[in-house]
C-alpha atoms as a PDB file:
ATOM      1  CA  MET A   1      52.490   4.528  12.477  1.00  0.00           C
ATOM      2  CA  VAL A   2      49.212   2.583  12.714  1.00  0.00           C
ATOM      3  CA  ILE A   3      46.072   4.188  11.350  1.00  0.00           C
ATOM      4  CA  ASN A   4      42.815   2.705  12.545  1.00  0.00           C
ATOM      5  CA  THR A   5      40.134   2.997   9.892  1.00  0.00           C
ATOM      6  CA  PRO A   6      36.626   1.948  10.789  1.00  0.00           C
ATOM      7  CA  SER A   7      35.437  -1.291   9.250  1.00  0.00           C
ATOM      8  CA  PHE A   8      32.410  -1.380   6.967  1.00  0.00           C
ATOM      9  CA  HIS A   9      30.286  -2.598   9.875  1.00  0.00           C
ATOM     10  CA  GLU A  10      31.440   0.251  12.124  1.00  0.00           C
ATOM     11  CA  LYS A  11      30.361   2.826   9.498  1.00  0.00           C
ATOM     12  CA  ARG A  12      26.750   1.658   9.511  1.00  0.00           C
ATOM     13  CA  GLN A  13      24.083   4.168  10.493  1.00  0.00           C
ATOM     14  CA  SER A  14      22.229   1.790  12.771  1.00  0.00           C
ATOM     15  CA  VAL A  15      22.283  -1.586  14.485  1.00  0.00           C
ATOM     16  CA  ARG A  16      21.447  -4.617  12.333  1.00  0.00           C
ATOM     17  CA  ARG A  17      20.006  -7.938  13.404  1.00  0.00           C
ATOM     18  CA  ALA A  18      20.199 -11.185  11.485  1.00  0.00           C
ATOM     19  CA  VAL A  19      16.811 -12.693  10.628  1.00  0.00           C
ATOM     20  CA  LYS A  20      15.185 -14.754   7.871  1.00  0.00           C
ATOM     21  CA  TRP A  21      11.844 -13.309   6.828  1.00  0.00           C
ATOM     22  CA  GLN A  22      10.042 -13.736   3.515  1.00  0.00           C
ATOM     23  CA  VAL A  23      10.160 -10.822   1.074  1.00  0.00           C
ATOM     24  CA  ALA A  24       8.309 -10.138  -2.175  1.00  0.00           C
ATOM     25  CA  ILE A  25       9.970  -7.724  -4.598  1.00  0.00           C
ATOM     26  CA  LYS A  26       7.642  -6.031  -7.079  1.00  0.00           C
ATOM     27  CA  ASP A  27       9.373  -5.810 -10.460  1.00  0.00           C
ATOM     28  CA  ASP A  28       7.460  -3.007 -12.197  1.00  0.00           C
ATOM     29  CA  LYS A  29       9.450  -3.317 -15.424  1.00  0.00           C
ATOM     30  CA  GLN A  30       8.472  -6.941 -15.998  1.00  0.00           C
ATOM     31  CA  GLY A  31       5.203  -6.968 -14.029  1.00  0.00           C
ATOM     32  CA  ARG A  32       6.187  -9.848 -11.770  1.00  0.00           C
ATOM     33  CA  THR A  33       6.940 -10.579  -8.142  1.00  0.00           C
ATOM     34  CA  ILE A  34      10.355 -11.949  -7.193  1.00  0.00           C
ATOM     35  CA  PRO A  35      10.791 -13.892  -3.948  1.00  0.00           C
ATOM     36  CA  ALA A  36      13.578 -13.037  -1.531  1.00  0.00           C
ATOM     37  CA  THR A  37      14.638 -13.616   2.070  1.00  0.00           C
ATOM     38  CA  THR A  38      16.044 -11.122   4.545  1.00  0.00           C
ATOM     39  CA  VAL A  39      19.580 -11.672   5.819  1.00  0.00           C
ATOM     40  CA  ASN A  40      19.500  -8.819   8.324  1.00  0.00           C
ATOM     41  CA  VAL A  41      17.402  -5.733   9.054  1.00  0.00           C
ATOM     42  CA  SER A  42      17.834  -2.318  10.616  1.00  0.00           C
ATOM     43  CA  LYS A  43      15.968   0.938  11.059  1.00  0.00           C
ATOM     44  CA  HIS A  44      17.401   2.290   7.809  1.00  0.00           C
ATOM     45  CA  GLY A  45      17.573  -0.731   5.530  1.00  0.00           C
ATOM     46  CA  VAL A  46      17.686  -4.426   4.860  1.00  0.00           C
ATOM     47  CA  LEU A  47      20.032  -6.981   3.328  1.00  0.00           C
ATOM     48  CA  ILE A  48      18.141  -9.547   1.248  1.00  0.00           C
ATOM     49  CA  ALA A  49      19.048 -12.660  -0.724  1.00  0.00           C
ATOM     50  CA  THR A  50      17.277 -13.202  -4.048  1.00  0.00           C
ATOM     51  CA  GLU A  51      17.697 -14.830  -7.436  1.00  0.00           C
ATOM     52  CA  GLY A  52      16.621 -11.564  -9.069  1.00  0.00           C
ATOM     53  CA  TYR A  53      19.324  -9.182 -10.215  1.00  0.00           C
ATOM     54  CA  PHE A  54      18.994  -5.462  -9.599  1.00  0.00           C
ATOM     55  CA  LYS A  55      21.490  -2.666 -10.186  1.00  0.00           C
ATOM     56  CA  LYS A  56      22.377   0.222  -7.947  1.00  0.00           C
ATOM     57  CA  PRO A  57      20.885   2.842  -7.544  1.00  0.00           C
ATOM     58  CA  GLN A  58      17.672   1.154  -8.726  1.00  0.00           C
ATOM     59  CA  VAL A  59      14.585   1.819  -6.605  1.00  0.00           C
ATOM     60  CA  ILE A  60      12.385  -1.187  -5.828  1.00  0.00           C
ATOM     61  CA  SER A  61       9.145  -1.838  -3.961  1.00  0.00           C
ATOM     62  CA  LEU A  62       9.097  -4.698  -1.513  1.00  0.00           C
ATOM     63  CA  THR A  63       6.887  -6.346   1.058  1.00  0.00           C
ATOM     64  CA  ILE A  64       8.540  -7.876   4.112  1.00  0.00           C
ATOM     65  CA  GLN A  65       6.608 -10.458   6.118  1.00  0.00           C
ATOM     66  CA  ALA A  66       8.069 -10.214   9.607  1.00  0.00           C
ATOM     67  CA  LEU A  67       7.216 -13.075  11.938  1.00  0.00           C
ATOM     68  CA  ILE A  68       7.928 -12.695  15.657  1.00  0.00           C
ATOM     69  CA  GLN A  69       6.475 -15.044  18.275  1.00  0.00           C
ATOM     70  CA  ASN A  70       3.859 -16.304  15.789  1.00  0.00           C
ATOM     71  CA  LYS A  71       2.693 -12.742  15.056  1.00  0.00           C
ATOM     72  CA  LYS A  72       2.987 -11.555  11.463  1.00  0.00           C
ATOM     73  CA  THR A  73       3.739  -7.937  10.613  1.00  0.00           C
ATOM     74  CA  VAL A  74       3.625  -6.866   6.965  1.00  0.00           C
ATOM     75  CA  ILE A  75       5.939  -4.018   5.977  1.00  0.00           C
ATOM     76  CA  ASN A  76       5.483  -2.345   2.589  1.00  0.00           C
ATOM     77  CA  THR A  77       8.398  -0.146   1.632  1.00  0.00           C
ATOM     78  CA  THR A  78      10.343   1.387  -1.217  1.00  0.00           C
ATOM     79  CA  ALA A  79      14.114   1.069  -1.101  1.00  0.00           C
ATOM     80  CA  GLU A  80      17.193   1.975  -3.107  1.00  0.00           C
ATOM     81  CA  VAL A  81      19.743  -0.693  -4.058  1.00  0.00           C
ATOM     82  CA  ARG A  82      22.984   0.496  -2.418  1.00  0.00           C
ATOM     83  CA  HIS A  83      25.170  -2.540  -3.111  1.00  0.00           C
ATOM     84  CA  VAL A  84      24.984  -5.926  -4.828  1.00  0.00           C
ATOM     85  CA  ILE A  85      27.006  -9.016  -3.874  1.00  0.00           C
ATOM     86  CA  ALA A  86      27.006 -12.073  -6.149  1.00  0.00           C
ATOM     87  CA  LYS A  87      26.890 -15.325  -4.172  1.00  0.00           C
ATOM     88  CA  ALA A  88      27.022 -18.893  -5.514  1.00  0.00           C
ATOM     89  CA  ASP A  89      23.257 -19.403  -5.342  1.00  0.00           C
ATOM     90  CA  ALA A  90      21.807 -15.870  -5.168  1.00  0.00           C
ATOM     91  CA  PHE A  91      22.444 -12.151  -5.107  1.00  0.00           C
ATOM     92  CA  GLN A  92      22.558 -10.189  -1.885  1.00  0.00           C
ATOM     93  CA  LEU A  93      21.112  -6.701  -2.160  1.00  0.00           C
ATOM     94  CA  GLY A  94      21.850  -4.019   0.388  1.00  0.00           C
ATOM     95  CA  LEU A  95      18.791  -1.768   0.422  1.00  0.00           C
ATOM     96  CA  LEU A  96      18.259   1.666   1.975  1.00  0.00           C
ATOM     97  CA  PHE A  97      14.659   2.503   2.815  1.00  0.00           C
ATOM     98  CA  ILE A  98      13.338   5.536   0.929  1.00  0.00           C
ATOM     99  CA  GLU A  99       9.672   5.265   1.892  1.00  0.00           C
ATOM    100  CA  ILE A 100       8.536   3.435   4.997  1.00  0.00           C
ATOM    101  CA  GLN A 101       5.687   4.022   7.449  1.00  0.00           C
ATOM    102  CA  PRO A 102       6.892   5.495  10.772  1.00  0.00           C
ATOM    103  CA  GLU A 103       5.336   2.626  12.757  1.00  0.00           C
ATOM    104  CA  ASP A 104       7.151   0.079  10.558  1.00  0.00           C
ATOM    105  CA  GLN A 105      10.456   1.894  11.062  1.00  0.00           C
ATOM    106  CA  THR A 106       9.838   1.914  14.825  1.00  0.00           C
ATOM    107  CA  PHE A 107       9.090  -1.821  14.700  1.00  0.00           C
ATOM    108  CA  LEU A 108      12.361  -2.506  12.816  1.00  0.00           C
ATOM    109  CA  THR A 109      14.324  -0.303  15.218  1.00  0.00           C
ATOM    110  CA  ARG A 110      12.972  -2.164  18.240  1.00  0.00           C
ATOM    111  CA  PHE A 111      13.595  -5.535  16.575  1.00  0.00           C
ATOM    112  CA  ALA A 112      17.172  -4.682  15.521  1.00  0.00           C
ATOM    113  CA  GLU A 113      17.994  -3.404  18.994  1.00  0.00           C
ATOM    114  CA  GLY A 114      16.667  -6.610  20.544  1.00  0.00           C
ATOM    115  CA  SER A 115      13.679  -5.213  22.403  1.00  0.00           C
ATOM    116  CA  LEU A 116      11.214  -7.403  20.489  1.00  0.00           C
END
């Protein structure tokens, strides 16, 4: 008997789209800003690459600088670390948005779905 279990990607809540945008993570504990880059984005969250290490379920504040067709959109959000992957040169953090402006979430939805 063959049992088909959905892959990790099939279990996702929403469509993701690969993109490299600049991100600034605000580290409240140490009072510093840590640079990062998006790997992919969706309506509900973002995967980022950074040299900073964060643990799940830590909540972090971040600013995403989206650039589409030479137009910059700044997204300020709070997100929860849902998973951490150690790579050779950085950590990848899977983040779930906790606080995000409705217009920013609409923007990310449209971008992820390819309508922007």
